All heavy atoms as atom14 arrays in JSON, in Angstrom:
{
  "sequence": "QPLVFRRTPKLIRQSDPETYHLSLVVSGTGGGVWRHRETEYKPHD",
  "atom14_mask": [
    [1, 1, 1, 1, 1, 1, 1, 1, 1, 0, 0, 0, 0, 0],
    [1, 1, 1, 1, 1, 1, 1, 0, 0, 0, 0, 0, 0, 0],
    [1, 1, 1, 1, 1, 1, 1, 1, 0, 0, 0, 0, 0, 0],
    [1, 1, 1, 1, 1, 1, 1, 0, 0, 0, 0, 0, 0, 0],
    [1, 1, 1, 1, 1, 1, 1, 1, 1, 1, 1, 0, 0, 0],
    [1, 1, 1, 1, 1, 1, 1, 1, 1, 1, 1, 0, 0, 0],
    [1, 1, 1, 1, 1, 1, 1, 1, 1, 1, 1, 0, 0, 0],
    [1, 1, 1, 1, 1, 1, 1, 0, 0, 0, 0, 0, 0, 0],
    [1, 1, 1, 1, 1, 1, 1, 0, 0, 0, 0, 0, 0, 0],
    [1, 1, 1, 1, 1, 1, 1, 1, 1, 0, 0, 0, 0, 0],
    [1, 1, 1, 1, 1, 1, 1, 1, 0, 0, 0, 0, 0, 0],
    [1, 1, 1, 1, 1, 1, 1, 1, 0, 0, 0, 0, 0, 0],
    [1, 1, 1, 1, 1, 1, 1, 1, 1, 1, 1, 0, 0, 0],
    [1, 1, 1, 1, 1, 1, 1, 1, 1, 0, 0, 0, 0, 0],
    [1, 1, 1, 1, 1, 1, 0, 0, 0, 0, 0, 0, 0, 0],
    [1, 1, 1, 1, 1, 1, 1, 1, 0, 0, 0, 0, 0, 0],
    [1, 1, 1, 1, 1, 1, 1, 0, 0, 0, 0, 0, 0, 0],
    [1, 1, 1, 1, 1, 1, 1, 1, 1, 0, 0, 0, 0, 0],
    [1, 1, 1, 1, 1, 1, 1, 0, 0, 0, 0, 0, 0, 0],
    [1, 1, 1, 1, 1, 1, 1, 1, 1, 1, 1, 1, 0, 0],
    [1, 1, 1, 1, 1, 1, 1, 1, 1, 1, 0, 0, 0, 0],
    [1, 1, 1, 1, 1, 1, 1, 1, 0, 0, 0, 0, 0, 0],
    [1, 1, 1, 1, 1, 1, 0, 0, 0, 0, 0, 0, 0, 0],
    [1, 1, 1, 1, 1, 1, 1, 1, 0, 0, 0, 0, 0, 0],
    [1, 1, 1, 1, 1, 1, 1, 0, 0, 0, 0, 0, 0, 0],
    [1, 1, 1, 1, 1, 1, 1, 0, 0, 0, 0, 0, 0, 0],
    [1, 1, 1, 1, 1, 1, 0, 0, 0, 0, 0, 0, 0, 0],
    [1, 1, 1, 1, 0, 0, 0, 0, 0, 0, 0, 0, 0, 0],
    [1, 1, 1, 1, 1, 1, 1, 0, 0, 0, 0, 0, 0, 0],
    [1, 1, 1, 1, 0, 0, 0, 0, 0, 0, 0, 0, 0, 0],
    [1, 1, 1, 1, 0, 0, 0, 0, 0, 0, 0, 0, 0, 0],
    [1, 1, 1, 1, 0, 0, 0, 0, 0, 0, 0, 0, 0, 0],
    [1, 1, 1, 1, 1, 1, 1, 0, 0, 0, 0, 0, 0, 0],
    [1, 1, 1, 1, 1, 1, 1, 1, 1, 1, 1, 1, 1, 1],
    [1, 1, 1, 1, 1, 1, 1, 1, 1, 1, 1, 0, 0, 0],
    [1, 1, 1, 1, 1, 1, 1, 1, 1, 1, 0, 0, 0, 0],
    [1, 1, 1, 1, 1, 1, 1, 1, 1, 1, 1, 0, 0, 0],
    [1, 1, 1, 1, 1, 1, 1, 1, 1, 0, 0, 0, 0, 0],
    [1, 1, 1, 1, 1, 1, 1, 0, 0, 0, 0, 0, 0, 0],
    [1, 1, 1, 1, 1, 1, 1, 1, 1, 0, 0, 0, 0, 0],
    [1, 1, 1, 1, 1, 1, 1, 1, 1, 1, 1, 1, 0, 0],
    [1, 1, 1, 1, 1, 1, 1, 1, 1, 0, 0, 0, 0, 0],
    [1, 1, 1, 1, 1, 1, 1, 0, 0, 0, 0, 0, 0, 0],
    [1, 1, 1, 1, 1, 1, 1, 1, 1, 1, 0, 0, 0, 0],
    [1, 1, 1, 1, 1, 1, 1, 1, 0, 0, 0, 0, 0, 0]
  ],
  "atom14_positions": [
    [[38.13, 32.95, 16.81], [36.93, 32.24, 17.23], [36.94, 32.03, 18.75], [37.99, 32.15, 19.39], [36.85, 30.91, 16.48], [36.52, 31.1, 15.0], [36.49, 29.79, 14.23], [37.51, 29.13, 14.11], [35.32, 29.43, 13.71], [0.0, 0.0, 0.0], [0.0, 0.0, 0.0], [0.0, 0.0, 0.0], [0.0, 0.0, 0.0], [0.0, 0.0, 0.0]],
    [[35.78, 31.76, 19.33], [35.7, 31.63, 20.79], [36.75, 30.67, 21.35], [37.01, 29.6, 20.79], [34.28, 31.1, 21.01], [33.51, 31.69, 19.87], [34.46, 31.63, 18.69], [0.0, 0.0, 0.0], [0.0, 0.0, 0.0], [0.0, 0.0, 0.0], [0.0, 0.0, 0.0], [0.0, 0.0, 0.0], [0.0, 0.0, 0.0], [0.0, 0.0, 0.0]],
    [[37.32, 31.08, 22.48], [38.43, 30.36, 23.09], [38.28, 30.32, 24.61], [37.6, 31.15, 25.21], [39.77, 31.06, 22.78], [40.42, 30.87, 21.41], [41.53, 31.9, 21.25], [40.98, 29.47, 21.29], [0.0, 0.0, 0.0], [0.0, 0.0, 0.0], [0.0, 0.0, 0.0], [0.0, 0.0, 0.0], [0.0, 0.0, 0.0], [0.0, 0.0, 0.0]],
    [[38.99, 29.38, 25.21], [39.24, 29.38, 26.65], [40.75, 29.55, 26.84], [41.54, 28.8, 26.25], [38.76, 28.08, 27.32], [39.17, 28.05, 28.79], [37.24, 27.94, 27.18], [0.0, 0.0, 0.0], [0.0, 0.0, 0.0], [0.0, 0.0, 0.0], [0.0, 0.0, 0.0], [0.0, 0.0, 0.0], [0.0, 0.0, 0.0], [0.0, 0.0, 0.0]],
    [[41.14, 30.55, 27.63], [42.55, 30.83, 27.92], [42.83, 30.44, 29.37], [42.11, 30.89, 30.27], [42.87, 32.32, 27.77], [42.47, 32.95, 26.45], [41.16, 33.37, 26.23], [43.4, 33.15, 25.46], [40.79, 33.97, 25.05], [43.04, 33.75, 24.26], [41.73, 34.15, 24.05], [0.0, 0.0, 0.0], [0.0, 0.0, 0.0], [0.0, 0.0, 0.0]],
    [[43.88, 29.65, 29.57], [44.24, 29.29, 30.95], [45.72, 29.54, 31.16], [46.57, 29.06, 30.41], [43.92, 27.82, 31.24], [42.44, 27.49, 31.23], [42.19, 26.11, 31.8], [42.48, 26.06, 33.22], [43.19, 25.11, 33.82], [43.74, 24.14, 33.11], [43.38, 25.14, 35.12], [0.0, 0.0, 0.0], [0.0, 0.0, 0.0], [0.0, 0.0, 0.0]],
    [[46.02, 30.33, 32.19], [47.4, 30.56, 32.62], [47.54, 29.82, 33.94], [46.99, 30.23, 34.97], [47.64, 32.06, 32.78], [49.04, 32.45, 33.25], [50.02, 32.47, 32.14], [51.29, 33.03, 32.61], [52.47, 32.59, 32.24], [52.58, 31.59, 31.38], [53.57, 33.15, 32.69], [0.0, 0.0, 0.0], [0.0, 0.0, 0.0], [0.0, 0.0, 0.0]],
    [[48.26, 28.73, 33.94], [48.32, 27.83, 35.09], [49.57, 28.09, 35.93], [50.55, 28.66, 35.44], [48.33, 26.37, 34.62], [49.56, 26.13, 33.9], [47.15, 26.08, 33.71], [0.0, 0.0, 0.0], [0.0, 0.0, 0.0], [0.0, 0.0, 0.0], [0.0, 0.0, 0.0], [0.0, 0.0, 0.0], [0.0, 0.0, 0.0], [0.0, 0.0, 0.0]],
    [[49.56, 27.66, 37.19], [50.76, 27.79, 38.02], [51.99, 27.13, 37.38], [53.11, 27.65, 37.47], [50.37, 27.12, 39.33], [48.88, 27.27, 39.4], [48.42, 27.14, 37.98], [0.0, 0.0, 0.0], [0.0, 0.0, 0.0], [0.0, 0.0, 0.0], [0.0, 0.0, 0.0], [0.0, 0.0, 0.0], [0.0, 0.0, 0.0], [0.0, 0.0, 0.0]],
    [[51.79, 25.98, 36.72], [52.91, 25.3, 36.08], [53.5, 26.16, 34.96], [54.73, 26.29, 34.86], [52.44, 23.96, 35.52], [53.55, 23.17, 34.82], [53.02, 21.83, 34.3], [54.13, 21.06, 33.58], [53.62, 19.76, 33.06], [0.0, 0.0, 0.0], [0.0, 0.0, 0.0], [0.0, 0.0, 0.0], [0.0, 0.0, 0.0], [0.0, 0.0, 0.0]],
    [[52.65, 26.76, 34.14], [53.15, 27.62, 33.06], [53.86, 28.85, 33.62], [54.85, 29.32, 33.06], [51.99, 28.04, 32.15], [51.42, 26.95, 31.24], [50.18, 27.45, 30.53], [52.46, 26.49, 30.23], [0.0, 0.0, 0.0], [0.0, 0.0, 0.0], [0.0, 0.0, 0.0], [0.0, 0.0, 0.0], [0.0, 0.0, 0.0], [0.0, 0.0, 0.0]],
    [[53.35, 29.38, 34.72], [53.99, 30.55, 35.34], [55.38, 30.19, 35.84], [56.33, 30.95, 35.66], [53.1, 31.08, 36.49], [51.8, 31.65, 35.91], [53.85, 32.16, 37.29], [50.76, 31.98, 36.96], [0.0, 0.0, 0.0], [0.0, 0.0, 0.0], [0.0, 0.0, 0.0], [0.0, 0.0, 0.0], [0.0, 0.0, 0.0], [0.0, 0.0, 0.0]],
    [[55.52, 29.0, 36.45], [56.84, 28.57, 36.92], [57.8, 28.37, 35.75], [58.99, 28.67, 35.86], [56.73, 27.28, 37.73], [56.05, 27.44, 39.08], [56.24, 26.2, 39.95], [55.67, 25.0, 39.33], [54.41, 24.6, 39.54], [53.61, 25.3, 40.33], [53.96, 23.5, 38.96], [0.0, 0.0, 0.0], [0.0, 0.0, 0.0], [0.0, 0.0, 0.0]],
    [[57.29, 27.91, 34.64], [58.14, 27.65, 33.48], [58.58, 28.93, 32.78], [59.7, 29.03, 32.28], [57.4, 26.74, 32.5], [57.18, 25.32, 33.0], [56.33, 24.51, 32.04], [55.69, 25.04, 31.13], [56.3, 23.2, 32.24], [0.0, 0.0, 0.0], [0.0, 0.0, 0.0], [0.0, 0.0, 0.0], [0.0, 0.0, 0.0], [0.0, 0.0, 0.0]],
    [[57.68, 29.9, 32.72], [58.0, 31.13, 31.99], [57.08, 32.26, 32.45], [55.86, 32.14, 32.36], [57.82, 30.91, 30.48], [57.99, 32.12, 29.77], [0.0, 0.0, 0.0], [0.0, 0.0, 0.0], [0.0, 0.0, 0.0], [0.0, 0.0, 0.0], [0.0, 0.0, 0.0], [0.0, 0.0, 0.0], [0.0, 0.0, 0.0], [0.0, 0.0, 0.0]],
    [[57.69, 33.34, 32.95], [56.91, 34.5, 33.36], [57.6, 35.78, 32.88], [58.62, 36.19, 33.42], [56.75, 34.55, 34.88], [55.88, 35.7, 35.32], [55.3, 36.39, 34.45], [55.76, 35.92, 36.55], [0.0, 0.0, 0.0], [0.0, 0.0, 0.0], [0.0, 0.0, 0.0], [0.0, 0.0, 0.0], [0.0, 0.0, 0.0], [0.0, 0.0, 0.0]],
    [[57.05, 36.42, 31.83], [57.65, 37.67, 31.35], [57.4, 38.84, 32.27], [57.91, 39.94, 32.03], [56.96, 37.87, 30.0], [55.66, 37.15, 30.12], [55.93, 35.97, 30.99], [0.0, 0.0, 0.0], [0.0, 0.0, 0.0], [0.0, 0.0, 0.0], [0.0, 0.0, 0.0], [0.0, 0.0, 0.0], [0.0, 0.0, 0.0], [0.0, 0.0, 0.0]],
    [[56.6, 38.64, 33.33], [56.28, 39.69, 34.31], [55.72, 40.92, 33.61], [56.3, 42.01, 33.65], [57.49, 40.02, 35.17], [57.94, 38.87, 36.04], [58.82, 39.3, 37.19], [59.19, 40.49, 37.24], [59.12, 38.45, 38.04], [0.0, 0.0, 0.0], [0.0, 0.0, 0.0], [0.0, 0.0, 0.0], [0.0, 0.0, 0.0], [0.0, 0.0, 0.0]],
    [[54.59, 40.72, 32.98], [53.91, 41.82, 32.29], [52.47, 41.93, 32.79], [51.89, 40.96, 33.29], [53.87, 41.59, 30.77], [53.22, 40.35, 30.5], [55.27, 41.58, 30.18], [0.0, 0.0, 0.0], [0.0, 0.0, 0.0], [0.0, 0.0, 0.0], [0.0, 0.0, 0.0], [0.0, 0.0, 0.0], [0.0, 0.0, 0.0], [0.0, 0.0, 0.0]],
    [[51.94, 43.13, 32.65], [50.51, 43.33, 32.78], [49.92, 43.29, 31.38], [50.48, 43.86, 30.44], [50.19, 44.67, 33.44], [50.52, 44.7, 34.91], [51.51, 45.54, 35.4], [49.84, 43.88, 35.82], [51.83, 45.57, 36.75], [50.15, 43.9, 37.17], [51.14, 44.75, 37.63], [51.46, 44.77, 38.96], [0.0, 0.0, 0.0], [0.0, 0.0, 0.0]],
    [[48.79, 42.61, 31.27], [48.1, 42.52, 29.98], [46.76, 43.22, 30.11], [46.0, 42.97, 31.05], [47.88, 41.06, 29.58], [46.94, 40.9, 28.44], [47.31, 41.16, 27.14], [45.61, 40.56, 28.4], [46.26, 40.96, 26.34], [45.22, 40.59, 27.09], [0.0, 0.0, 0.0], [0.0, 0.0, 0.0], [0.0, 0.0, 0.0], [0.0, 0.0, 0.0]],
    [[46.45, 44.1, 29.16], [45.16, 44.76, 29.12], [44.49, 44.42, 27.8], [45.12, 44.52, 26.73], [45.3, 46.28, 29.23], [45.76, 46.83, 30.59], [47.28, 46.81, 30.7], [45.26, 48.25, 30.8], [0.0, 0.0, 0.0], [0.0, 0.0, 0.0], [0.0, 0.0, 0.0], [0.0, 0.0, 0.0], [0.0, 0.0, 0.0], [0.0, 0.0, 0.0]],
    [[43.25, 44.02, 27.85], [42.48, 43.7, 26.65], [41.34, 44.7, 26.52], [40.48, 44.79, 27.41], [41.88, 42.3, 26.73], [42.87, 41.31, 26.61], [0.0, 0.0, 0.0], [0.0, 0.0, 0.0], [0.0, 0.0, 0.0], [0.0, 0.0, 0.0], [0.0, 0.0, 0.0], [0.0, 0.0, 0.0], [0.0, 0.0, 0.0], [0.0, 0.0, 0.0]],
    [[41.36, 45.47, 25.44], [40.23, 46.33, 25.1], [39.26, 45.47, 24.28], [39.6, 45.04, 23.17], [40.7, 47.54, 24.31], [39.61, 48.38, 23.64], [38.64, 48.94, 24.68], [40.24, 49.52, 22.83], [0.0, 0.0, 0.0], [0.0, 0.0, 0.0], [0.0, 0.0, 0.0], [0.0, 0.0, 0.0], [0.0, 0.0, 0.0], [0.0, 0.0, 0.0]],
    [[38.08, 45.22, 24.81], [37.11, 44.35, 24.15], [36.38, 45.17, 23.08], [35.63, 46.09, 23.39], [36.11, 43.76, 25.15], [35.15, 42.81, 24.44], [36.85, 43.04, 26.27], [0.0, 0.0, 0.0], [0.0, 0.0, 0.0], [0.0, 0.0, 0.0], [0.0, 0.0, 0.0], [0.0, 0.0, 0.0], [0.0, 0.0, 0.0], [0.0, 0.0, 0.0]],
    [[36.62, 44.81, 21.82], [35.97, 45.49, 20.71], [34.63, 44.83, 20.4], [33.62, 45.49, 20.18], [36.87, 45.49, 19.47], [36.18, 46.16, 18.29], [38.19, 46.18, 19.77], [0.0, 0.0, 0.0], [0.0, 0.0, 0.0], [0.0, 0.0, 0.0], [0.0, 0.0, 0.0], [0.0, 0.0, 0.0], [0.0, 0.0, 0.0], [0.0, 0.0, 0.0]],
    [[34.62, 43.5, 20.4], [33.37, 42.76, 20.2], [33.49, 41.43, 20.92], [34.57, 40.97, 21.26], [33.09, 42.54, 18.71], [34.08, 41.71, 18.11], [0.0, 0.0, 0.0], [0.0, 0.0, 0.0], [0.0, 0.0, 0.0], [0.0, 0.0, 0.0], [0.0, 0.0, 0.0], [0.0, 0.0, 0.0], [0.0, 0.0, 0.0], [0.0, 0.0, 0.0]],
    [[32.34, 40.8, 21.14], [32.32, 39.56, 21.88], [32.13, 39.8, 23.37], [32.21, 40.94, 23.86], [0.0, 0.0, 0.0], [0.0, 0.0, 0.0], [0.0, 0.0, 0.0], [0.0, 0.0, 0.0], [0.0, 0.0, 0.0], [0.0, 0.0, 0.0], [0.0, 0.0, 0.0], [0.0, 0.0, 0.0], [0.0, 0.0, 0.0], [0.0, 0.0, 0.0]],
    [[31.86, 38.74, 24.1], [31.68, 38.81, 25.54], [32.44, 37.66, 26.17], [33.04, 36.84, 25.49], [30.19, 38.72, 25.92], [29.66, 37.48, 25.4], [29.4, 39.89, 25.35], [0.0, 0.0, 0.0], [0.0, 0.0, 0.0], [0.0, 0.0, 0.0], [0.0, 0.0, 0.0], [0.0, 0.0, 0.0], [0.0, 0.0, 0.0], [0.0, 0.0, 0.0]],
    [[32.39, 37.6, 27.49], [33.06, 36.5, 28.16], [33.18, 36.74, 29.65], [32.47, 37.58, 30.22], [0.0, 0.0, 0.0], [0.0, 0.0, 0.0], [0.0, 0.0, 0.0], [0.0, 0.0, 0.0], [0.0, 0.0, 0.0], [0.0, 0.0, 0.0], [0.0, 0.0, 0.0], [0.0, 0.0, 0.0], [0.0, 0.0, 0.0], [0.0, 0.0, 0.0]],
    [[34.08, 36.0, 30.26], [34.29, 36.14, 31.69], [35.63, 35.56, 32.08], [36.32, 34.92, 31.27], [0.0, 0.0, 0.0], [0.0, 0.0, 0.0], [0.0, 0.0, 0.0], [0.0, 0.0, 0.0], [0.0, 0.0, 0.0], [0.0, 0.0, 0.0], [0.0, 0.0, 0.0], [0.0, 0.0, 0.0], [0.0, 0.0, 0.0], [0.0, 0.0, 0.0]],
    [[36.02, 35.82, 33.3], [37.3, 35.33, 33.77], [37.29, 35.06, 35.26], [36.49, 35.64, 36.02], [0.0, 0.0, 0.0], [0.0, 0.0, 0.0], [0.0, 0.0, 0.0], [0.0, 0.0, 0.0], [0.0, 0.0, 0.0], [0.0, 0.0, 0.0], [0.0, 0.0, 0.0], [0.0, 0.0, 0.0], [0.0, 0.0, 0.0], [0.0, 0.0, 0.0]],
    [[38.17, 34.15, 35.67], [38.31, 33.82, 37.09], [39.78, 33.97, 37.46], [40.66, 33.39, 36.8], [37.85, 32.37, 37.38], [38.05, 32.04, 38.85], [36.39, 32.2, 36.98], [0.0, 0.0, 0.0], [0.0, 0.0, 0.0], [0.0, 0.0, 0.0], [0.0, 0.0, 0.0], [0.0, 0.0, 0.0], [0.0, 0.0, 0.0], [0.0, 0.0, 0.0]],
    [[40.04, 34.77, 38.49], [41.38, 34.91, 39.06], [41.34, 34.39, 40.49], [40.26, 34.08, 41.01], [41.82, 36.37, 39.03], [42.16, 36.86, 37.66], [43.4, 36.98, 37.09], [41.24, 37.28, 36.65], [43.3, 37.44, 35.81], [41.99, 37.63, 35.5], [39.85, 37.38, 36.59], [41.4, 38.09, 34.34], [39.27, 37.84, 35.43], [40.04, 38.18, 34.31]],
    [[42.45, 34.35, 41.1], [42.52, 33.81, 42.47], [41.62, 34.59, 43.42], [41.03, 34.03, 44.34], [43.97, 33.87, 42.95], [44.25, 33.22, 44.3], [45.73, 33.15, 44.54], [46.35, 34.48, 44.39], [47.65, 34.66, 44.12], [48.45, 33.61, 43.94], [48.14, 35.88, 44.01], [0.0, 0.0, 0.0], [0.0, 0.0, 0.0], [0.0, 0.0, 0.0]],
    [[41.48, 35.88, 43.19], [40.77, 36.74, 44.13], [39.51, 37.36, 43.54], [38.81, 38.11, 44.22], [41.69, 37.87, 44.57], [42.15, 38.75, 43.44], [42.82, 38.25, 42.35], [41.99, 40.06, 43.2], [43.09, 39.24, 41.5], [42.59, 40.35, 41.99], [0.0, 0.0, 0.0], [0.0, 0.0, 0.0], [0.0, 0.0, 0.0], [0.0, 0.0, 0.0]],
    [[39.19, 37.05, 42.26], [38.07, 37.76, 41.64], [37.5, 36.97, 40.48], [38.23, 36.28, 39.77], [38.56, 39.13, 41.15], [37.47, 39.97, 40.48], [38.0, 41.36, 40.13], [38.13, 42.15, 41.34], [39.26, 42.74, 41.74], [40.36, 42.58, 41.02], [39.3, 43.46, 42.83], [0.0, 0.0, 0.0], [0.0, 0.0, 0.0], [0.0, 0.0, 0.0]],
    [[36.2, 37.08, 40.31], [35.52, 36.53, 39.14], [34.74, 37.67, 38.49], [34.08, 38.45, 39.19], [34.58, 35.4, 39.55], [33.85, 34.76, 38.38], [33.06, 33.54, 38.78], [33.2, 33.1, 39.95], [32.31, 33.02, 37.93], [0.0, 0.0, 0.0], [0.0, 0.0, 0.0], [0.0, 0.0, 0.0], [0.0, 0.0, 0.0], [0.0, 0.0, 0.0]],
    [[34.82, 37.78, 37.18], [34.18, 38.92, 36.52], [33.69, 38.53, 35.13], [34.12, 37.53, 34.55], [35.16, 40.1, 36.41], [34.47, 41.26, 35.96], [36.29, 39.79, 35.42], [0.0, 0.0, 0.0], [0.0, 0.0, 0.0], [0.0, 0.0, 0.0], [0.0, 0.0, 0.0], [0.0, 0.0, 0.0], [0.0, 0.0, 0.0], [0.0, 0.0, 0.0]],
    [[32.78, 39.33, 34.6], [32.33, 39.21, 33.23], [32.74, 40.47, 32.46], [32.95, 41.53, 33.07], [30.8, 39.03, 33.17], [30.33, 37.74, 33.81], [28.82, 37.56, 33.7], [28.14, 38.53, 33.28], [28.33, 36.47, 34.02], [0.0, 0.0, 0.0], [0.0, 0.0, 0.0], [0.0, 0.0, 0.0], [0.0, 0.0, 0.0], [0.0, 0.0, 0.0]],
    [[32.85, 40.34, 31.16], [33.21, 41.52, 30.37], [32.37, 41.57, 29.1], [31.79, 40.58, 28.68], [34.7, 41.53, 30.04], [35.19, 40.35, 29.24], [35.12, 40.35, 27.84], [35.76, 39.24, 29.85], [35.57, 39.28, 27.1], [36.22, 38.15, 29.11], [36.12, 38.19, 27.74], [36.56, 37.12, 27.0], [0.0, 0.0, 0.0], [0.0, 0.0, 0.0]],
    [[32.33, 42.76, 28.52], [31.5, 43.03, 27.34], [32.21, 44.06, 26.49], [33.24, 44.62, 26.9], [30.13, 43.54, 27.78], [30.19, 44.82, 28.59], [28.85, 45.2, 29.16], [28.91, 46.51, 29.92], [29.89, 46.52, 31.01], [0.0, 0.0, 0.0], [0.0, 0.0, 0.0], [0.0, 0.0, 0.0], [0.0, 0.0, 0.0], [0.0, 0.0, 0.0]],
    [[31.71, 44.35, 25.28], [32.35, 45.37, 24.44], [32.52, 46.69, 25.17], [31.67, 47.1, 25.96], [31.39, 45.49, 23.25], [30.78, 44.13, 23.14], [30.61, 43.67, 24.56], [0.0, 0.0, 0.0], [0.0, 0.0, 0.0], [0.0, 0.0, 0.0], [0.0, 0.0, 0.0], [0.0, 0.0, 0.0], [0.0, 0.0, 0.0], [0.0, 0.0, 0.0]],
    [[33.65, 47.32, 24.92], [34.05, 48.61, 25.5], [34.63, 48.47, 26.9], [34.97, 49.48, 27.52], [32.91, 49.64, 25.51], [32.24, 49.81, 24.19], [32.92, 50.27, 23.07], [30.97, 49.58, 23.79], [32.08, 50.31, 22.05], [30.9, 49.9, 22.45], [0.0, 0.0, 0.0], [0.0, 0.0, 0.0], [0.0, 0.0, 0.0], [0.0, 0.0, 0.0]],
    [[34.76, 47.23, 27.41], [35.45, 47.04, 28.68], [36.96, 46.89, 28.42], [37.38, 46.44, 27.35], [34.97, 45.77, 29.38], [33.65, 45.97, 30.11], [33.24, 47.14, 30.28], [33.03, 44.97, 30.51], [0.0, 0.0, 0.0], [0.0, 0.0, 0.0], [0.0, 0.0, 0.0], [0.0, 0.0, 0.0], [0.0, 0.0, 0.0], [0.0, 0.0, 0.0]]
  ]
}
């Protein structure tokens, strides 16, 4: 179900597996904010 995901500086200091994560969007939409970029996404992104 719809969620908000937050990866905070505190969580990064506590645990960082040093991975890249890629999400293939099958359905649903949304958006994200990073330190240097804000974007929206849709199916097939």
